[in-house]
């Protein structure tokens, strides 16, 4: 459901590259360095360039105000933001109980993160979608199904020590996660736009 899990998955591959290939590389068994400071999050926009949006007369229109949320939509946003905040502590707890010092540790960590991700998806979908949000929640449901298939394929790639496939799948998964974030923030769930740096706060 959340970008936070995808970034952690990418970090596992970065940490574990030498280990997954046998631990013979220099420093492969050394303790992991602190996580790097990530660059600022880049927002991917799917909108058309401004030049294409101008009316035929060349005049720009006044930006439309965001639609006012109904009471039911406000409840949905509140519950969704709460779930996204709780997910941060859940992922931190998994990281605290895990180690990437061995191949088995990497596989166990990824398996735990995959399980947490599936649980978060189920908890999100259990929040009743209010009128006006059903179409977008259906889109998220489809994204979640694709996302979980990618997680399964990534786990198989790790088990086979195929990091090339793992990285390629992670790139595709990140695109799905960015789309999910866009949908959630458009619906008002700004607490779900989680960056890599927040994992390590």
Protein backbone atom coordinates (compact mmCIF):
# COMPACT_ATOMS: atom_id res chain seq x y z
CA UNK A 1 0.00 0.00 0.00
CA UNK A 2 2.66 2.48 0.95
CA UNK A 3 5.83 3.72 -0.68
CA UNK A 4 7.67 3.15 2.58
CA UNK A 5 7.67 -0.62 1.99
CA UNK A 6 8.95 -0.30 -1.53
CA UNK A 7 11.89 1.86 -0.52
CA UNK A 8 12.77 -0.60 2.23
CA UNK A 9 12.65 -3.40 -0.34
CA UNK A 10 15.12 -1.47 -2.49
CA UNK A 11 17.39 -0.94 0.51
CA UNK A 12 17.43 -4.68 1.18
CA UNK A 13 18.82 -5.26 -2.28
CA UNK A 14 21.42 -2.54 -1.83
CA UNK A 15 22.51 -3.97 1.52
CA UNK A 16 22.47 -7.57 0.45
CA UNK A 17 24.05 -7.58 -3.00
CA UNK A 18 27.39 -8.95 -1.90
CA UNK A 19 25.82 -11.33 0.61
CA UNK A 20 23.42 -12.82 -1.92
CA UNK A 21 26.33 -13.52 -4.27
CA UNK A 22 28.25 -15.49 -1.65
CA UNK A 23 29.75 -12.91 0.71
CA UNK A 24 33.11 -12.89 -1.04
CA UNK A 25 33.16 -9.23 -1.94
CA UNK A 26 35.26 -6.89 0.17
CA UNK A 27 33.29 -5.79 3.21
CA UNK A 28 30.37 -8.11 2.50
CA UNK A 29 30.19 -9.29 6.09
CA UNK A 30 30.99 -5.93 7.69
CA UNK A 31 28.26 -4.19 9.71
CA UNK A 32 25.96 -2.11 7.55
CA UNK A 33 26.72 1.61 7.37
CA UNK A 34 24.05 4.08 8.45
CA UNK A 35 21.31 4.59 5.90
CA UNK A 36 22.17 7.38 3.43
CA UNK A 37 20.32 10.66 3.58
CA UNK A 38 17.84 10.49 0.71
CA UNK A 39 17.30 13.28 -1.79
CA UNK A 40 14.07 15.25 -1.49
CA UNK A 41 11.06 13.31 -2.73
CA UNK A 42 10.20 14.01 -6.34
CA UNK A 43 6.55 14.27 -7.16
CA UNK A 44 5.69 12.63 -10.46
CA UNK A 45 3.00 14.58 -12.23
CA UNK A 46 0.72 12.86 -14.72
CA UNK A 47 -0.90 16.09 -15.85
CA UNK A 48 -0.45 17.74 -19.24
CA UNK A 49 2.07 20.58 -19.69
CA UNK A 50 0.65 24.01 -18.94
CA UNK A 51 0.93 25.13 -22.58
CA UNK A 52 -1.48 22.38 -23.65
CA UNK A 53 -4.03 23.35 -21.02
CA UNK A 54 -4.48 26.98 -22.17
CA UNK A 55 -7.81 27.79 -23.80
CA UNK A 56 -7.89 28.76 -27.49
CA UNK A 57 -7.94 32.48 -26.58
CA UNK A 58 -4.63 32.14 -24.76
CA UNK A 59 -6.08 33.23 -21.44
CA UNK A 60 -5.41 31.16 -18.38
CA UNK A 61 -8.32 30.20 -16.20
CA UNK A 62 -8.44 30.73 -12.46
CA UNK A 63 -7.49 27.56 -10.59
CA UNK A 64 -10.54 25.72 -9.31
CA UNK A 65 -10.94 25.35 -5.56
CA UNK A 66 -10.68 21.87 -4.12
CA UNK A 67 -14.14 20.36 -3.69
CA UNK A 68 -15.51 20.47 -0.17
CA UNK A 69 -15.47 17.07 1.48
CA UNK A 70 -18.64 15.50 2.81
CA UNK A 71 -18.78 14.28 6.41
CA UNK A 72 -18.33 10.68 5.23
CA UNK A 73 -15.34 11.63 3.09
CA UNK A 74 -13.72 13.43 6.04
CA UNK A 75 -14.12 10.29 8.16
CA UNK A 76 -12.52 8.21 5.38
CA UNK A 77 -9.59 10.63 5.10
CA UNK A 78 -9.08 10.62 8.88
CA UNK A 79 -9.08 6.81 9.08
CA UNK A 80 -6.80 6.47 6.06
CA UNK A 81 -4.28 9.00 7.39
CA UNK A 82 -4.28 7.20 10.75
CA UNK A 83 -3.57 3.87 9.04
CA UNK A 84 -0.70 5.42 7.09
CA UNK A 85 0.82 6.85 10.28
CA UNK A 86 0.46 3.50 12.06
CA UNK A 87 2.17 1.77 9.14
CA UNK A 88 5.34 3.74 9.81
CA UNK A 89 5.71 2.34 13.33
CA UNK A 90 4.82 -1.16 12.12
CA UNK A 91 7.59 -1.08 9.52
CA UNK A 92 10.06 0.35 12.04
CA UNK A 93 9.21 -2.53 14.38
CA UNK A 94 9.92 -5.07 11.63
CA UNK A 95 13.25 -3.40 10.85
CA UNK A 96 14.21 -3.34 14.54
CA UNK A 97 13.64 -7.10 14.85
CA UNK A 98 15.49 -7.97 11.66
CA UNK A 99 19.04 -8.30 10.39
CA UNK A 100 20.49 -8.12 6.89
CA UNK A 101 23.84 -9.58 7.97
CA UNK A 102 23.08 -12.96 6.34
CA UNK A 103 21.21 -14.25 3.32
CA UNK A 104 18.65 -15.88 5.61
CA UNK A 105 18.18 -12.57 7.43
CA UNK A 106 17.54 -10.72 4.17
CA UNK A 107 14.98 -13.29 3.06
CA UNK A 108 13.24 -13.22 6.43
CA UNK A 109 13.09 -9.42 6.46
CA UNK A 110 11.60 -9.27 2.98
CA UNK A 111 9.05 -11.96 3.89
CA UNK A 112 7.99 -9.97 6.95
CA UNK A 113 7.67 -6.75 4.95
CA UNK A 114 5.59 -8.53 2.31
CA UNK A 115 3.26 -9.80 5.04
CA UNK A 116 2.94 -6.33 6.61
CA UNK A 117 2.19 -4.84 3.20
CA UNK A 118 -0.62 -7.36 2.57
CA UNK A 119 -2.09 -6.70 6.02
CA UNK A 120 -2.02 -2.93 5.43
CA UNK A 121 -3.77 -3.39 2.09
CA UNK A 122 -6.51 -5.45 3.77
CA UNK A 123 -6.94 -2.90 6.57
CA UNK A 124 -7.20 -0.06 4.06
CA UNK A 125 -9.80 -1.88 1.95
CA UNK A 126 -11.84 -2.54 5.11
CA UNK A 127 -12.40 1.23 5.43
CA UNK A 128 -15.80 1.86 3.82
CA UNK A 129 -15.41 4.07 0.74
CA UNK A 130 -17.83 7.01 0.87
CA UNK A 131 -19.90 8.23 -2.05
CA UNK A 132 -17.67 9.87 -4.63
CA UNK A 133 -14.62 7.82 -3.64
CA UNK A 134 -15.68 4.32 -4.75
CA UNK A 135 -14.14 4.60 -8.23
CA UNK A 136 -10.76 5.72 -6.88
CA UNK A 137 -10.77 3.04 -4.16
CA UNK A 138 -11.49 0.44 -6.86
CA UNK A 139 -8.41 1.71 -8.72
CA UNK A 140 -6.38 1.32 -5.54
CA UNK A 141 -7.71 -2.22 -5.08
CA UNK A 142 -6.44 -3.10 -8.57
CA UNK A 143 -3.07 -1.51 -7.80
CA UNK A 144 -2.82 -3.52 -4.56
CA UNK A 145 -3.44 -6.78 -6.43
CA UNK A 146 -0.66 -5.97 -8.92
CA UNK A 147 1.62 -4.81 -6.12
CA UNK A 148 1.25 -8.07 -4.18
CA UNK A 149 2.05 -10.09 -7.31
CA UNK A 150 5.25 -8.07 -7.70
CA UNK A 151 6.16 -8.69 -4.06
CA UNK A 152 5.77 -12.44 -4.65
CA UNK A 153 7.99 -12.30 -7.74
CA UNK A 154 10.58 -10.20 -5.89
CA UNK A 155 10.71 -12.75 -3.08
CA UNK A 156 11.31 -15.56 -5.59
CA UNK A 157 14.09 -13.50 -7.20
CA UNK A 158 15.78 -13.03 -3.81
CA UNK A 159 15.49 -16.73 -3.04
CA UNK A 160 17.17 -17.48 -6.38
CA UNK A 161 19.80 -14.77 -5.75
CA UNK A 162 18.67 -13.02 -8.93
CA UNK A 163 19.18 -9.39 -7.96
CA UNK A 164 18.96 -8.15 -11.55
CA UNK A 165 15.35 -9.34 -11.69
CA UNK A 166 14.76 -8.06 -8.14
CA UNK A 167 15.88 -4.53 -9.10
CA UNK A 168 13.79 -4.55 -12.30
CA UNK A 169 10.68 -5.64 -10.40
CA UNK A 170 11.31 -3.05 -7.70
CA UNK A 171 11.40 -0.30 -10.35
CA UNK A 172 7.99 -1.39 -11.63
CA UNK A 173 6.65 -1.68 -8.11
CA UNK A 174 7.83 1.86 -7.32
CA UNK A 175 5.78 3.18 -10.26
CA UNK A 176 2.68 1.47 -8.87
CA UNK A 177 3.38 2.93 -5.44
CA UNK A 178 3.73 6.44 -6.86
CA UNK A 179 0.37 6.04 -8.60
CA UNK A 180 -1.17 4.86 -5.30
CA UNK A 181 0.26 7.88 -3.51
CA UNK A 182 -1.12 10.22 -6.17
CA UNK A 183 -4.62 8.75 -5.81
CA UNK A 184 -4.54 8.89 -2.00
CA UNK A 185 -3.32 12.48 -1.85
CA UNK A 186 -5.87 13.56 -4.47
CA UNK A 187 -8.55 12.16 -2.13
CA UNK A 188 -7.11 14.21 0.75
CA UNK A 189 -5.09 11.49 2.53
CA UNK A 190 -1.89 13.54 2.73
CA UNK A 191 -0.56 11.42 5.59
CA UNK A 192 0.00 8.61 3.07
CA UNK A 193 2.66 10.47 1.08
CA UNK A 194 5.55 8.90 3.01
CA UNK A 195 9.17 9.48 2.00
CA UNK A 196 12.19 7.29 2.56
CA UNK A 197 13.64 9.55 5.24
CA UNK A 198 10.58 9.05 7.46
CA UNK A 199 11.45 5.38 7.92
CA UNK A 200 14.55 6.27 9.83
CA UNK A 201 13.29 9.21 11.91
